Amino acid sequence: MTRSIELNNRQLNRFICILTAVVLLFMLKYRFGGESGDDYKRVINGDGKGYYAYLPAIFIYHDLTFSFFDKDTEKFGYQYSNTFLLNHDKKNLNKYTCGEAILLLPFFLLAVLYSWFMGLPVDGYNGAFHIFCALGNLFYFVLGLIIAKKLLRWYGLSNMAIALALVALTFGTNILNYVVYESSMSHVFSFFTIALNVYTAKRFFESPSLKIILLGGLTLGLIILIRPINGMIIFAYPFLAGEKNFFVVVKDNLKYFLMAGAVACSVIFIQLILWKLE
């Protein structure tokens, strides 16, 4: 008779640490090193240039018209790409939203401190800013894994099944590419915020509370700020209610839902303010 392998909670947490270490090794080899040895200077890439640009524009150059790129194109070189800027009424508008920049803010500030301490130019684009951007991406990926673990446990899966699911998520989807190689793209940040939003929804439907639904409103606002199309997550809520009638829950807790909606709208309003200032 074969004996099934099972993990206890400590072993599952240790497994997530090992999974994180493996992903970090991939980052060290394929992003921080690369064939040229300085690929870490190209973490902020593609659409990520637009998502990230709010941070140096606000905190370093105090210029939401992004004209600092045009003033010194030789300095910024690779970092500058006007494909993320739209010209409206002779003004530059960043066509990407600021949700990712909000999540990256702590890591951006760490890069500022590191650059100042090491005597590097605090320009928002030296190699340190790219590295801290990648580390921020990894941080939210790990948080997303931890939340996914909690969600899967909610559905009664064993720890071994959860471990296999996390492996499949990491290596069987394109999220590994967005952690390791395209770290400035929005996908991992979407993964984290959507996982957290689904978790708060499940908790609320099981035991309604103001604290939980306000967190849900906050994460929903961030989800939309990161990538507006992700707001379609709201159509999953009736299914997350499980055996409970979603519309009855809304009716019984209408005040809570209105407050959560107000929080979500307040977060989204940040983008409208930035566009106005541009």
Protein backbone atom coordinates (compact mmCIF):
# COMPACT_ATOMS: atom_id res chain seq x y z
CA MET A 1 0.00 0.00 0.00
CA THR A 2 1.42 3.37 -1.04
CA ARG A 3 1.63 6.07 1.53
CA SER A 4 0.68 9.63 0.55
CA ILE A 5 3.16 12.39 1.30
CA GLU A 6 1.82 15.23 3.40
CA LEU A 7 3.29 18.51 4.60
CA ASN A 8 2.63 20.27 7.87
CA ASN A 9 2.22 24.05 8.03
CA ARG A 10 5.86 24.69 8.88
CA GLN A 11 7.02 22.55 5.97
CA LEU A 12 4.66 24.33 3.60
CA ASN A 13 6.03 27.72 4.69
CA ARG A 14 9.55 26.39 4.27
CA PHE A 15 8.57 25.18 0.81
CA ILE A 16 7.43 28.70 -0.14
CA CYS A 17 10.80 30.04 1.05
CA ILE A 18 12.60 27.51 -1.16
CA LEU A 19 10.37 28.42 -4.11
CA THR A 20 11.22 32.08 -3.55
CA ALA A 21 14.94 31.28 -3.41
CA VAL A 22 14.73 29.41 -6.73
CA VAL A 23 12.99 32.36 -8.38
CA LEU A 24 15.61 34.71 -6.92
CA LEU A 25 18.37 32.56 -8.41
CA PHE A 26 16.70 32.88 -11.80
CA MET A 27 16.65 36.65 -11.31
CA LEU A 28 20.33 36.75 -10.37
CA LYS A 29 21.31 34.77 -13.45
CA TYR A 30 18.98 36.04 -16.14
CA ARG A 31 18.13 39.59 -15.06
CA PHE A 32 20.76 40.95 -12.66
CA GLY A 33 23.55 39.39 -14.69
CA GLY A 34 22.52 38.43 -18.18
CA GLU A 35 24.85 37.90 -21.08
CA SER A 36 26.25 41.44 -20.89
CA GLY A 37 26.59 41.42 -17.10
CA ASP A 38 24.64 44.66 -16.71
CA ASP A 39 21.13 43.63 -17.71
CA TYR A 40 20.01 44.84 -14.29
CA LYS A 41 20.11 48.34 -15.79
CA ARG A 42 17.22 47.38 -18.09
CA VAL A 43 14.66 46.19 -15.58
CA ILE A 44 12.46 49.24 -16.17
CA ASN A 45 11.44 48.30 -19.67
CA GLY A 46 8.55 48.27 -22.12
CA ASP A 47 5.24 49.35 -20.62
CA GLY A 48 7.02 49.41 -17.27
CA LYS A 49 8.63 52.71 -18.26
CA GLY A 50 5.22 54.34 -18.22
CA TYR A 51 4.04 52.70 -15.00
CA TYR A 52 7.26 53.67 -13.22
CA ALA A 53 7.73 57.19 -14.63
CA TYR A 54 5.38 58.76 -12.07
CA LEU A 55 7.89 58.15 -9.28
CA PRO A 56 10.89 60.11 -10.60
CA ALA A 57 8.54 62.70 -12.12
CA ILE A 58 6.92 63.45 -8.73
CA PHE A 59 9.68 62.88 -6.19
CA ILE A 60 12.83 63.89 -8.08
CA TYR A 61 12.00 66.19 -10.99
CA HIS A 62 8.69 67.61 -9.73
CA ASP A 63 7.54 67.57 -13.33
CA LEU A 64 4.37 65.70 -14.26
CA THR A 65 4.72 66.92 -17.85
CA PHE A 66 7.70 64.54 -18.09
CA SER A 67 9.65 67.21 -19.96
CA PHE A 68 12.79 66.22 -18.03
CA PHE A 69 13.21 63.39 -20.55
CA ASP A 70 13.41 65.82 -23.46
CA LYS A 71 15.80 68.15 -21.65
CA ASP A 72 18.51 65.49 -21.43
CA THR A 73 17.80 62.61 -23.82
CA GLU A 74 21.47 61.62 -23.83
CA LYS A 75 21.46 61.12 -20.07
CA PHE A 76 18.30 59.06 -19.98
CA GLY A 77 18.94 57.23 -23.22
CA TYR A 78 17.44 53.78 -22.90
CA GLN A 79 15.10 54.78 -20.08
CA TYR A 80 13.25 57.26 -22.24
CA SER A 81 10.57 56.14 -24.62
CA ASN A 82 7.87 58.58 -25.64
CA THR A 83 5.61 55.67 -26.54
CA PHE A 84 4.06 55.97 -23.07
CA LEU A 85 3.38 59.68 -23.51
CA LEU A 86 0.40 61.13 -25.35
CA ASN A 87 0.37 64.73 -26.51
CA HIS A 88 -2.85 66.54 -25.62
CA ASP A 89 -3.26 70.29 -25.92
CA LYS A 90 0.52 70.56 -26.30
CA LYS A 91 1.02 68.71 -23.00
CA ASN A 92 2.46 65.28 -22.30
CA LEU A 93 0.10 62.80 -20.69
CA ASN A 94 1.24 59.44 -19.36
CA LYS A 95 -1.17 56.91 -20.87
CA TYR A 96 -0.40 54.40 -18.10
CA THR A 97 -1.97 54.52 -14.67
CA CYS A 98 -0.15 55.00 -11.37
CA GLY A 99 -1.19 51.91 -9.34
CA GLU A 100 2.10 50.11 -9.84
CA ALA A 101 4.02 53.24 -8.88
CA ILE A 102 2.09 53.42 -5.60
CA LEU A 103 3.09 49.86 -4.71
CA LEU A 104 6.69 50.49 -5.75
CA LEU A 105 7.00 53.71 -3.74
CA PRO A 106 8.74 52.12 -0.67
CA PHE A 107 11.31 50.46 -2.92
CA PHE A 108 11.82 53.65 -4.92
CA LEU A 109 12.54 55.53 -1.69
CA LEU A 110 14.99 52.80 -0.64
CA ALA A 111 16.75 53.26 -3.99
CA VAL A 112 16.91 57.02 -3.36
CA LEU A 113 18.52 56.45 0.06
CA TYR A 114 20.92 53.85 -1.31
CA SER A 115 21.96 56.10 -4.20
CA TRP A 116 22.52 59.06 -1.86
CA PHE A 117 24.53 56.95 0.58
CA MET A 118 26.67 55.38 -2.16
CA GLY A 119 27.26 58.65 -3.98
CA LEU A 120 25.30 57.63 -7.06
CA PRO A 121 23.25 60.14 -9.05
CA VAL A 122 19.76 60.34 -7.55
CA ASP A 123 18.16 60.49 -10.99
CA GLY A 124 15.55 57.74 -10.66
CA TYR A 125 17.23 55.63 -13.32
CA ASN A 126 20.66 54.53 -12.18
CA GLY A 127 21.19 50.80 -11.74
CA ALA A 128 20.04 50.83 -8.10
CA PHE A 129 16.56 51.99 -9.09
CA HIS A 130 16.26 49.11 -11.53
CA ILE A 131 17.40 46.59 -8.92
CA PHE A 132 15.01 47.87 -6.25
CA CYS A 133 12.19 47.81 -8.80
CA ALA A 134 12.92 44.12 -9.43
CA LEU A 135 13.12 43.40 -5.69
CA GLY A 136 9.79 45.14 -5.18
CA ASN A 137 8.28 42.95 -7.87
CA LEU A 138 9.65 39.84 -6.15
CA PHE A 139 8.29 41.04 -2.80
CA TYR A 140 4.73 41.34 -4.13
CA PHE A 141 5.05 38.00 -5.90
CA VAL A 142 5.91 36.30 -2.62
CA LEU A 143 3.04 38.06 -0.86
CA GLY A 144 0.78 36.86 -3.66
CA LEU A 145 1.95 33.27 -3.11
CA ILE A 146 1.24 33.52 0.63
CA ILE A 147 -2.25 34.87 -0.02
CA ALA A 148 -2.86 32.19 -2.65
CA LYS A 149 -1.89 29.60 -0.05
CA LYS A 150 -4.50 30.98 2.34
CA LEU A 151 -7.14 30.99 -0.39
CA LEU A 152 -6.46 27.41 -1.44
CA ARG A 153 -6.59 26.30 2.18
CA TRP A 154 -10.01 27.96 2.39
CA TYR A 155 -11.22 25.49 -0.22
CA GLY A 156 -10.05 22.53 1.83
CA LEU A 157 -6.94 21.55 -0.14
CA SER A 158 -4.20 19.66 1.62
CA ASN A 159 -0.81 21.29 2.14
CA MET A 160 0.72 19.00 -0.49
CA ALA A 161 -1.93 19.99 -3.02
CA ILE A 162 -1.32 23.66 -2.18
CA ALA A 163 2.43 23.23 -2.67
CA LEU A 164 1.89 21.61 -6.07
CA ALA A 165 -0.54 24.37 -7.04
CA LEU A 166 2.01 27.06 -6.14
CA VAL A 167 4.66 25.28 -8.20
CA ALA A 168 2.25 25.10 -11.14
CA LEU A 169 1.44 28.78 -10.71
CA THR A 170 5.12 29.75 -10.63
CA PHE A 171 6.52 27.55 -13.38
CA GLY A 172 3.43 26.61 -15.39
CA THR A 173 2.28 30.15 -16.18
CA ASN A 174 3.97 33.22 -17.63
CA ILE A 175 4.21 34.86 -14.21
CA LEU A 176 7.80 33.58 -13.90
CA ASN A 177 8.72 35.73 -16.90
CA TYR A 178 7.15 38.78 -15.26
CA VAL A 179 9.00 38.16 -12.01
CA VAL A 180 12.40 37.34 -13.48
CA TYR A 181 12.69 39.21 -16.74
CA GLU A 182 9.96 41.84 -17.15
CA SER A 183 9.80 42.98 -13.55
CA SER A 184 8.49 46.46 -14.26
CA MET A 185 5.36 45.21 -16.02
CA SER A 186 2.03 45.26 -14.20
CA HIS A 187 1.29 41.52 -14.10
CA VAL A 188 2.81 40.57 -10.75
CA PHE A 189 1.33 43.63 -9.06
CA SER A 190 -2.05 42.64 -10.48
CA PHE A 191 -1.55 39.10 -9.19
CA PHE A 192 -0.90 40.36 -5.66
CA THR A 193 -3.76 42.85 -5.47
CA ILE A 194 -6.31 40.51 -7.08
CA ALA A 195 -5.30 37.65 -4.76
CA LEU A 196 -5.68 39.97 -1.75
CA ASN A 197 -9.01 41.29 -3.00
CA VAL A 198 -10.39 37.78 -3.51
CA TYR A 199 -9.16 36.80 -0.05
CA THR A 200 -10.91 39.78 1.56
CA ALA A 201 -14.09 38.97 -0.36
CA LYS A 202 -14.06 35.37 0.88
CA ARG A 203 -13.49 36.53 4.45
CA PHE A 204 -16.27 39.08 4.25
CA PHE A 205 -18.82 36.64 2.87
CA GLU A 206 -17.96 34.21 5.66
CA SER A 207 -17.96 36.83 8.43
CA PRO A 208 -18.96 40.40 7.40
CA SER A 209 -16.95 43.18 9.03
CA LEU A 210 -16.22 46.81 8.22
CA LYS A 211 -12.45 46.36 8.48
CA ILE A 212 -12.38 43.58 5.91
CA ILE A 213 -14.65 45.24 3.37
CA LEU A 214 -12.71 48.51 3.58
CA LEU A 215 -9.55 46.57 2.80
CA GLY A 216 -11.46 45.06 -0.10
CA GLY A 217 -12.38 48.55 -1.32
CA LEU A 218 -8.77 49.68 -1.04
CA THR A 219 -7.47 46.69 -3.01
CA LEU A 220 -10.19 47.08 -5.65
CA GLY A 221 -9.13 50.69 -6.16
CA LEU A 222 -5.50 49.60 -6.54
CA ILE A 223 -6.49 46.82 -8.94
CA ILE A 224 -8.16 49.37 -11.22
CA LEU A 225 -5.28 51.84 -10.83
CA ILE A 226 -2.77 49.17 -11.84
CA ARG A 227 -4.69 48.08 -14.92
CA PRO A 228 -8.25 49.36 -15.39
CA ILE A 229 -9.48 46.26 -17.23
CA ASN A 230 -8.72 44.26 -14.07
CA GLY A 231 -11.76 45.93 -12.53
CA MET A 232 -13.77 43.11 -14.09
CA ILE A 233 -12.93 41.18 -10.91
CA ILE A 234 -16.18 42.59 -9.51
CA PHE A 235 -18.10 40.11 -11.67
CA ALA A 236 -16.51 37.28 -9.68
CA TYR A 237 -17.96 38.45 -6.38
CA PRO A 238 -21.33 36.62 -6.68
CA PHE A 239 -19.41 33.37 -7.15
CA LEU A 240 -17.10 34.07 -4.22
CA ALA A 241 -20.15 34.28 -1.97
CA GLY A 242 -20.31 30.49 -2.12
CA GLU A 243 -23.54 29.08 -0.75
CA LYS A 244 -24.73 32.50 0.40
CA ASN A 245 -26.95 34.65 -1.79
CA PHE A 246 -24.71 37.49 -2.92
CA PHE A 247 -27.55 39.96 -3.38
CA VAL A 248 -28.98 39.22 0.07
CA VAL A 249 -25.53 39.81 1.60
CA VAL A 250 -25.27 43.14 -0.24
CA LYS A 251 -28.74 44.16 0.93
CA ASP A 252 -28.00 43.25 4.54
CA ASN A 253 -24.67 45.09 4.49
CA LEU A 254 -25.43 47.91 2.07
CA LYS A 255 -23.79 50.54 4.28
CA TYR A 256 -20.54 48.54 4.33
CA PHE A 257 -20.56 48.12 0.54
CA LEU A 258 -21.17 51.84 0.00
CA MET A 259 -18.26 52.69 2.28
CA ALA A 260 -16.02 50.22 0.44
CA GLY A 261 -17.09 51.76 -2.86
CA ALA A 262 -16.18 55.20 -1.53
CA VAL A 263 -12.72 53.95 -0.56
CA ALA A 264 -12.21 52.41 -4.01
CA CYS A 265 -13.31 55.63 -5.73
CA SER A 266 -10.98 57.67 -3.49
CA VAL A 267 -8.03 55.55 -4.58
CA ILE A 268 -8.99 55.82 -8.26
CA PHE A 269 -9.31 59.60 -7.81
CA ILE A 270 -5.52 59.76 -7.32
CA GLN A 271 -5.12 59.11 -11.04
CA LEU A 272 -7.56 61.87 -11.98
CA ILE A 273 -5.58 64.31 -9.84
CA LEU A 274 -2.33 63.31 -11.55
CA TRP A 275 -3.83 63.69 -15.00
CA LYS A 276 -5.16 67.12 -13.98
CA LEU A 277 -1.71 68.16 -12.76
CA GLU A 278 -0.12 67.00 -15.97
